[in-house]
Amino acid sequence: MMMMMMMMILIIIIIIMILLMIGMIRMMIIIIKLIIIIIVVMIIFIITVIIIKKQNLISDPTYFFSND
């Protein structure tokens, strides 16, 4: 009788552990996706800023001298 109880408890613990692992993996995937999205957005933002700066330099020769 004790062996059956122990086995049941062990099986329940193993199932909980597996579910936790699956949950952790899902959370990790979501976090990784978020990080990738943030990095992509940052890269796009930086590229657009550089393009705008280059456009300004090309279109406006007095860009260097218009600090005041």
PDB file of N, CA and C in Angstrom:
ATOM      1  N   MET A   1       0.838  -1.203   0.000  1.00  0.00           N
ATOM      2  CA  MET A   1       0.000   0.000   0.000  1.00  0.00           C
ATOM      3  C   MET A   1       0.878   1.260   0.000  1.00  0.00           C
ATOM      4  N   MET A   2       1.894   1.293   0.847  1.00  0.00           N
ATOM      5  CA  MET A   2       2.807   2.435   0.916  1.00  0.00           C
ATOM      6  C   MET A   2       3.529   2.625  -0.417  1.00  0.00           C
ATOM      7  N   MET A   3       3.927   1.519  -1.047  1.00  0.00           N
ATOM      8  CA  MET A   3       4.637   1.572  -2.326  1.00  0.00           C
ATOM      9  C   MET A   3       3.767   2.248  -3.387  1.00  0.00           C
ATOM     10  N   MET A   4       2.495   1.903  -3.430  1.00  0.00           N
ATOM     11  CA  MET A   4       1.559   2.499  -4.393  1.00  0.00           C
ATOM     12  C   MET A   4       1.478   4.009  -4.177  1.00  0.00           C
ATOM     13  N   MET A   5       1.340   4.441  -2.922  1.00  0.00           N
ATOM     14  CA  MET A   5       1.259   5.863  -2.582  1.00  0.00           C
ATOM     15  C   MET A   5       2.533   6.578  -3.027  1.00  0.00           C
ATOM     16  N   MET A   6       3.672   5.988  -2.699  1.00  0.00           N
ATOM     17  CA  MET A   6       4.958   6.570  -3.062  1.00  0.00           C
ATOM     18  C   MET A   6       5.064   6.719  -4.582  1.00  0.00           C
ATOM     19  N   MET A   7       4.669   5.680  -5.305  1.00  0.00           N
ATOM     20  CA  MET A   7       4.710   5.696  -6.770  1.00  0.00           C
ATOM     21  C   MET A   7       3.813   6.808  -7.316  1.00  0.00           C
ATOM     22  N   MET A   8       2.614   6.931  -6.770  1.00  0.00           N
ATOM     23  CA  MET A   8       1.666   7.964  -7.211  1.00  0.00           C
ATOM     24  C   MET A   8       2.274   9.351  -6.987  1.00  0.00           C
ATOM     25  N   ILE A   9       2.823   9.575  -5.784  1.00  0.00           N
ATOM     26  CA  ILE A   9       3.429  10.862  -5.454  1.00  0.00           C
ATOM     27  C   ILE A   9       4.582  11.143  -6.414  1.00  0.00           C
ATOM     28  N   LEU A  10       5.414  10.131  -6.668  1.00  0.00           N
ATOM     29  CA  LEU A  10       6.557  10.282  -7.576  1.00  0.00           C
ATOM     30  C   LEU A  10       6.088  10.651  -8.977  1.00  0.00           C
ATOM     31  N   ILE A  11       5.053   9.938  -9.468  1.00  0.00           N
ATOM     32  CA  ILE A  11       4.526  10.205 -10.814  1.00  0.00           C
ATOM     33  C   ILE A  11       3.991  11.633 -10.884  1.00  0.00           C
ATOM     34  N   ILE A  12       3.252  12.071  -9.853  1.00  0.00           N
ATOM     35  CA  ILE A  12       2.693  13.422  -9.818  1.00  0.00           C
ATOM     36  C   ILE A  12       3.820  14.446  -9.851  1.00  0.00           C
ATOM     37  N   ILE A  13       4.874  14.227  -9.052  1.00  0.00           N
ATOM     38  CA  ILE A  13       6.016  15.150  -9.006  1.00  0.00           C
ATOM     39  C   ILE A  13       6.679  15.218 -10.383  1.00  0.00           C
ATOM     40  N   ILE A  14       6.860  14.072 -11.031  1.00  0.00           N
ATOM     41  CA  ILE A  14       7.502  14.026 -12.359  1.00  0.00           C
ATOM     42  C   ILE A  14       6.655  14.802 -13.367  1.00  0.00           C
ATOM     43  N   ILE A  15       5.318  14.600 -13.335  1.00  0.00           N
ATOM     44  CA  ILE A  15       4.420  15.304 -14.261  1.00  0.00           C
ATOM     45  C   ILE A  15       4.530  16.810 -14.034  1.00  0.00           C
ATOM     46  N   ILE A  16       4.526  17.234 -12.758  1.00  0.00           N
ATOM     47  CA  ILE A  16       4.635  18.664 -12.435  1.00  0.00           C
ATOM     48  C   ILE A  16       5.953  19.218 -12.965  1.00  0.00           C
ATOM     49  N   MET A  17       7.049  18.466 -12.769  1.00  0.00           N
ATOM     50  CA  MET A  17       8.366  18.898 -13.250  1.00  0.00           C
ATOM     51  C   MET A  17       8.364  19.075 -14.765  1.00  0.00           C
ATOM     52  N   ILE A  18       7.766  18.096 -15.486  1.00  0.00           N
ATOM     53  CA  ILE A  18       7.704  18.156 -16.957  1.00  0.00           C
ATOM     54  C   ILE A  18       6.905  19.385 -17.378  1.00  0.00           C
ATOM     55  N   LEU A  19       5.759  19.625 -16.734  1.00  0.00           N
ATOM     56  CA  LEU A  19       4.932  20.788 -17.062  1.00  0.00           C
ATOM     57  C   LEU A  19       5.703  22.073 -16.810  1.00  0.00           C
ATOM     58  N   LEU A  20       6.428  22.133 -15.675  1.00  0.00           N
ATOM     59  CA  LEU A  20       7.239  23.315 -15.372  1.00  0.00           C
ATOM     60  C   LEU A  20       8.306  23.533 -16.444  1.00  0.00           C
ATOM     61  N   MET A  21       8.960  22.447 -16.871  1.00  0.00           N
ATOM     62  CA  MET A  21       9.983  22.538 -17.908  1.00  0.00           C
ATOM     63  C   MET A  21       9.388  23.089 -19.202  1.00  0.00           C
ATOM     64  N   ILE A  22       8.202  22.556 -19.598  1.00  0.00           N
ATOM     65  CA  ILE A  22       7.534  23.018 -20.821  1.00  0.00           C
ATOM     66  C   ILE A  22       7.205  24.504 -20.681  1.00  0.00           C
ATOM     67  N   GLY A  23       6.696  24.890 -19.516  1.00  0.00           N
ATOM     68  CA  GLY A  23       6.368  26.294 -19.250  1.00  0.00           C
ATOM     69  C   GLY A  23       7.605  27.177 -19.341  1.00  0.00           C
ATOM     70  N   MET A  24       8.709  26.727 -18.749  1.00  0.00           N
ATOM     71  CA  MET A  24       9.968  27.473 -18.788  1.00  0.00           C
ATOM     72  C   MET A  24      10.437  27.655 -20.235  1.00  0.00           C
ATOM     73  N   ILE A  25      10.363  26.569 -21.023  1.00  0.00           N
ATOM     74  CA  ILE A  25      10.798  26.613 -22.423  1.00  0.00           C
ATOM     75  C   ILE A  25       9.941  27.618 -23.187  1.00  0.00           C
ATOM     76  N   ARG A  26       8.619  27.575 -22.955  1.00  0.00           N
ATOM     77  CA  ARG A  26       7.715  28.514 -23.628  1.00  0.00           C
ATOM     78  C   ARG A  26       8.063  29.947 -23.247  1.00  0.00           C
ATOM     79  N   MET A  27       8.280  30.184 -21.949  1.00  0.00           N
ATOM     80  CA  MET A  27       8.644  31.526 -21.480  1.00  0.00           C
ATOM     81  C   MET A  27       9.952  31.979 -22.135  1.00  0.00           C
ATOM     82  N   MET A  28      10.938  31.072 -22.189  1.00  0.00           N
ATOM     83  CA  MET A  28      12.224  31.393 -22.809  1.00  0.00           C
ATOM     84  C   MET A  28      12.033  31.775 -24.272  1.00  0.00           C
ATOM     85  N   ILE A  29      11.194  31.004 -25.001  1.00  0.00           N
ATOM     86  CA  ILE A  29      10.939  31.295 -26.415  1.00  0.00           C
ATOM     87  C   ILE A  29      10.315  32.671 -26.554  1.00  0.00           C
ATOM     88  N   ILE A  30       9.330  32.977 -25.693  1.00  0.00           N
ATOM     89  CA  ILE A  30       8.658  34.287 -25.739  1.00  0.00           C
ATOM     90  C   ILE A  30       9.671  35.396 -25.463  1.00  0.00           C
ATOM     91  N   ILE A  31      10.520  35.211 -24.438  1.00  0.00           N
ATOM     92  CA  ILE A  31      11.524  36.223 -24.071  1.00  0.00           C
ATOM     93  C   ILE A  31      12.504  36.415 -25.233  1.00  0.00           C
ATOM     94  N   ILE A  32      12.957  35.312 -25.833  1.00  0.00           N
ATOM     95  CA  ILE A  32      13.901  35.388 -26.957  1.00  0.00           C
ATOM     96  C   ILE A  32      13.268  36.139 -28.119  1.00  0.00           C
ATOM     97  N   LYS A  33      11.977  35.840 -28.418  1.00  0.00           N
ATOM     98  CA  LYS A  33      11.273  36.550 -29.496  1.00  0.00           C
ATOM     99  C   LYS A  33      11.219  38.040 -29.205  1.00  0.00           C
ATOM    100  N   LEU A  34      10.892  38.395 -27.964  1.00  0.00           N
ATOM    101  CA  LEU A  34      10.823  39.814 -27.581  1.00  0.00           C
ATOM    102  C   LEU A  34      12.177  40.484 -27.776  1.00  0.00           C
ATOM    103  N   ILE A  35      13.259  39.810 -27.328  1.00  0.00           N
ATOM    104  CA  ILE A  35      14.611  40.372 -27.456  1.00  0.00           C
ATOM    105  C   ILE A  35      14.946  40.577 -28.933  1.00  0.00           C
ATOM    106  N   ILE A  36      14.627  39.585 -29.772  1.00  0.00           N
ATOM    107  CA  ILE A  36      14.913  39.688 -31.218  1.00  0.00           C
ATOM    108  C   ILE A  36      14.150  40.862 -31.811  1.00  0.00           C
ATOM    109  N   ILE A  37      12.854  40.999 -31.446  1.00  0.00           N
ATOM    110  CA  ILE A  37      12.036  42.109 -31.964  1.00  0.00           C
ATOM    111  C   ILE A  37      12.650  43.441 -31.554  1.00  0.00           C
ATOM    112  N   ILE A  38      13.056  43.560 -30.279  1.00  0.00           N
ATOM    113  CA  ILE A  38      13.654  44.812 -29.782  1.00  0.00           C
ATOM    114  C   ILE A  38      14.939  45.121 -30.561  1.00  0.00           C
ATOM    115  N   ILE A  39      15.789  44.113 -30.761  1.00  0.00           N
ATOM    116  CA  ILE A  39      17.055  44.308 -31.487  1.00  0.00           C
ATOM    117  C   ILE A  39      16.773  44.762 -32.913  1.00  0.00           C
ATOM    118  N   VAL A  40      15.812  44.114 -33.582  1.00  0.00           N
ATOM    119  CA  VAL A  40      15.473  44.465 -34.969  1.00  0.00           C
ATOM    120  C   VAL A  40      14.980  45.911 -35.030  1.00  0.00           C
ATOM    121  N   VAL A  41      14.106  46.282 -34.094  1.00  0.00           N
ATOM    122  CA  VAL A  41      13.571  47.648 -34.059  1.00  0.00           C
ATOM    123  C   VAL A  41      14.708  48.652 -33.859  1.00  0.00           C
ATOM    124  N   MET A  42      15.628  48.347 -32.934  1.00  0.00           N
ATOM    125  CA  MET A  42      16.776  49.217 -32.678  1.00  0.00           C
ATOM    126  C   MET A  42      17.614  49.387 -33.946  1.00  0.00           C
ATOM    127  N   ILE A  43      17.904  48.264 -34.633  1.00  0.00           N
ATOM    128  CA  ILE A  43      18.725  48.304 -35.858  1.00  0.00           C
ATOM    129  C   ILE A  43      18.033  49.157 -36.910  1.00  0.00           C
ATOM    130  N   ILE A  44      16.719  48.949 -37.104  1.00  0.00           N
ATOM    131  CA  ILE A  44      15.960  49.730 -38.093  1.00  0.00           C
ATOM    132  C   ILE A  44      16.017  51.205 -37.731  1.00  0.00           C
ATOM    133  N   PHE A  45      15.825  51.515 -36.441  1.00  0.00           N
ATOM    134  CA  PHE A  45      15.853  52.903 -35.977  1.00  0.00           C
ATOM    135  C   PHE A  45      17.214  53.541 -36.278  1.00  0.00           C
ATOM    136  N   ILE A  46      18.303  52.817 -35.940  1.00  0.00           N
ATOM    137  CA  ILE A  46      19.663  53.330 -36.169  1.00  0.00           C
ATOM    138  C   ILE A  46      19.892  53.558 -37.662  1.00  0.00           C
ATOM    139  N   ILE A  47      19.480  52.597 -38.486  1.00  0.00           N
ATOM    140  CA  ILE A  47      19.673  52.712 -39.942  1.00  0.00           C
ATOM    141  C   ILE A  47      18.913  53.921 -40.473  1.00  0.00           C
ATOM    142  N   THR A  48      17.654  54.099 -40.028  1.00  0.00           N
ATOM    143  CA  THR A  48      16.865  55.240 -40.508  1.00  0.00           C
ATOM    144  C   THR A  48      17.508  56.550 -40.078  1.00  0.00           C
ATOM    145  N   VAL A  49      18.014  56.613 -38.847  1.00  0.00           N
ATOM    146  CA  VAL A  49      18.693  57.825 -38.366  1.00  0.00           C
ATOM    147  C   VAL A  49      19.913  58.124 -39.240  1.00  0.00           C
ATOM    148  N   ILE A  50      20.711  57.094 -39.533  1.00  0.00           N
ATOM    149  CA  ILE A  50      21.907  57.267 -40.372  1.00  0.00           C
ATOM    150  C   ILE A  50      21.500  57.761 -41.756  1.00  0.00           C
ATOM    151  N   ILE A  51      20.448  57.151 -42.327  1.00  0.00           N
ATOM    152  CA  ILE A  51      19.978  57.556 -43.665  1.00  0.00           C
ATOM    153  C   ILE A  51      19.534  59.018 -43.642  1.00  0.00           C
ATOM    154  N   ILE A  52      18.779  59.395 -42.596  1.00  0.00           N
ATOM    155  CA  ILE A  52      18.302  60.786 -42.481  1.00  0.00           C
ATOM    156  C   ILE A  52      19.493  61.737 -42.384  1.00  0.00           C
ATOM    157  N   LYS A  53      20.489  61.380 -41.563  1.00  0.00           N
ATOM    158  CA  LYS A  53      21.698  62.201 -41.422  1.00  0.00           C
ATOM    159  C   LYS A  53      22.390  62.352 -42.775  1.00  0.00           C
ATOM    160  N   LYS A  54      22.554  61.229 -43.495  1.00  0.00           N
ATOM    161  CA  LYS A  54      23.199  61.251 -44.816  1.00  0.00           C
ATOM    162  C   LYS A  54      22.399  62.116 -45.777  1.00  0.00           C
ATOM    163  N   GLN A  55      21.072  61.961 -45.771  1.00  0.00           N
ATOM    164  CA  GLN A  55      20.197  62.761 -46.629  1.00  0.00           C
ATOM    165  C   GLN A  55      20.398  64.245 -46.329  1.00  0.00           C
ATOM    166  N   ASN A  56      20.426  64.584 -45.037  1.00  0.00           N
ATOM    167  CA  ASN A  56      20.624  65.976 -44.629  1.00  0.00           C
ATOM    168  C   ASN A  56      21.974  66.488 -45.126  1.00  0.00           C
ATOM    169  N   LEU A  57      23.007  65.682 -44.970  1.00  0.00           N
ATOM    170  CA  LEU A  57      24.346  66.071 -45.421  1.00  0.00           C
ATOM    171  C   LEU A  57      24.365  66.295 -46.931  1.00  0.00           C
ATOM    172  N   ILE A  58      23.695  65.424 -47.664  1.00  0.00           N
ATOM    173  CA  ILE A  58      23.684  65.516 -49.130  1.00  0.00           C
ATOM    174  C   ILE A  58      22.862  66.745 -49.564  1.00  0.00           C
ATOM    175  N   SER A  59      21.682  66.910 -48.953  1.00  0.00           N
ATOM    176  CA  SER A  59      20.770  67.960 -49.412  1.00  0.00           C
ATOM    177  C   SER A  59      21.172  69.339 -48.880  1.00  0.00           C
ATOM    178  N   ASP A  60      21.851  69.361 -47.716  1.00  0.00           N
ATOM    179  CA  ASP A  60      22.164  70.653 -47.075  1.00  0.00           C
ATOM    180  C   ASP A  60      23.674  70.762 -46.843  1.00  0.00           C
ATOM    181  N   PRO A  61      24.383  71.499 -47.697  1.00  0.00           N
ATOM    182  CA  PRO A  61      25.841  71.618 -47.522  1.00  0.00           C
ATOM    183  C   PRO A  61      26.208  72.444 -46.284  1.00  0.00           C
ATOM    184  N   THR A  62      25.306  73.318 -45.828  1.00  0.00           N
ATOM    185  CA  THR A  62      25.608  74.174 -44.670  1.00  0.00           C
ATOM    186  C   THR A  62      25.287  73.451 -43.349  1.00  0.00           C
ATOM    187  N   TYR A  63      25.056  72.145 -43.448  1.00  0.00           N
ATOM    188  CA  TYR A  63      24.704  71.368 -42.252  1.00  0.00           C
ATOM    189  C   TYR A  63      25.825  71.411 -41.204  1.00  0.00           C
ATOM    190  N   PHE A  64      27.065  71.399 -41.658  1.00  0.00           N
ATOM    191  CA  PHE A  64      28.222  71.432 -40.743  1.00  0.00           C
ATOM    192  C   PHE A  64      28.303  72.767 -40.016  1.00  0.00           C
ATOM    193  N   PHE A  65      27.912  73.831 -40.678  1.00  0.00           N
ATOM    194  CA  PHE A  65      28.157  75.189 -40.160  1.00  0.00           C
ATOM    195  C   PHE A  65      26.949  75.774 -39.424  1.00  0.00           C
ATOM    196  N   SER A  66      25.838  75.017 -39.400  1.00  0.00           N
ATOM    197  CA  SER A  66      24.601  75.550 -38.797  1.00  0.00           C
ATOM    198  C   SER A  66      24.459  75.107 -37.339  1.00  0.00           C
ATOM    199  N   ASN A  67      25.587  75.138 -36.593  1.00  0.00           N
ATOM    200  CA  ASN A  67      25.526  74.782 -35.180  1.00  0.00           C
ATOM    201  C   ASN A  67      24.957  75.918 -34.332  1.00  0.00           C
ATOM    202  N   ASP A  68      25.279  77.151 -34.699  1.00  0.00           N
ATOM    203  CA  ASP A  68      24.740  78.313 -33.965  1.00  0.00           C
ATOM    204  C   ASP A  68      23.321  78.585 -34.493  1.00  0.00           C
TER     205      ASP A  68
END
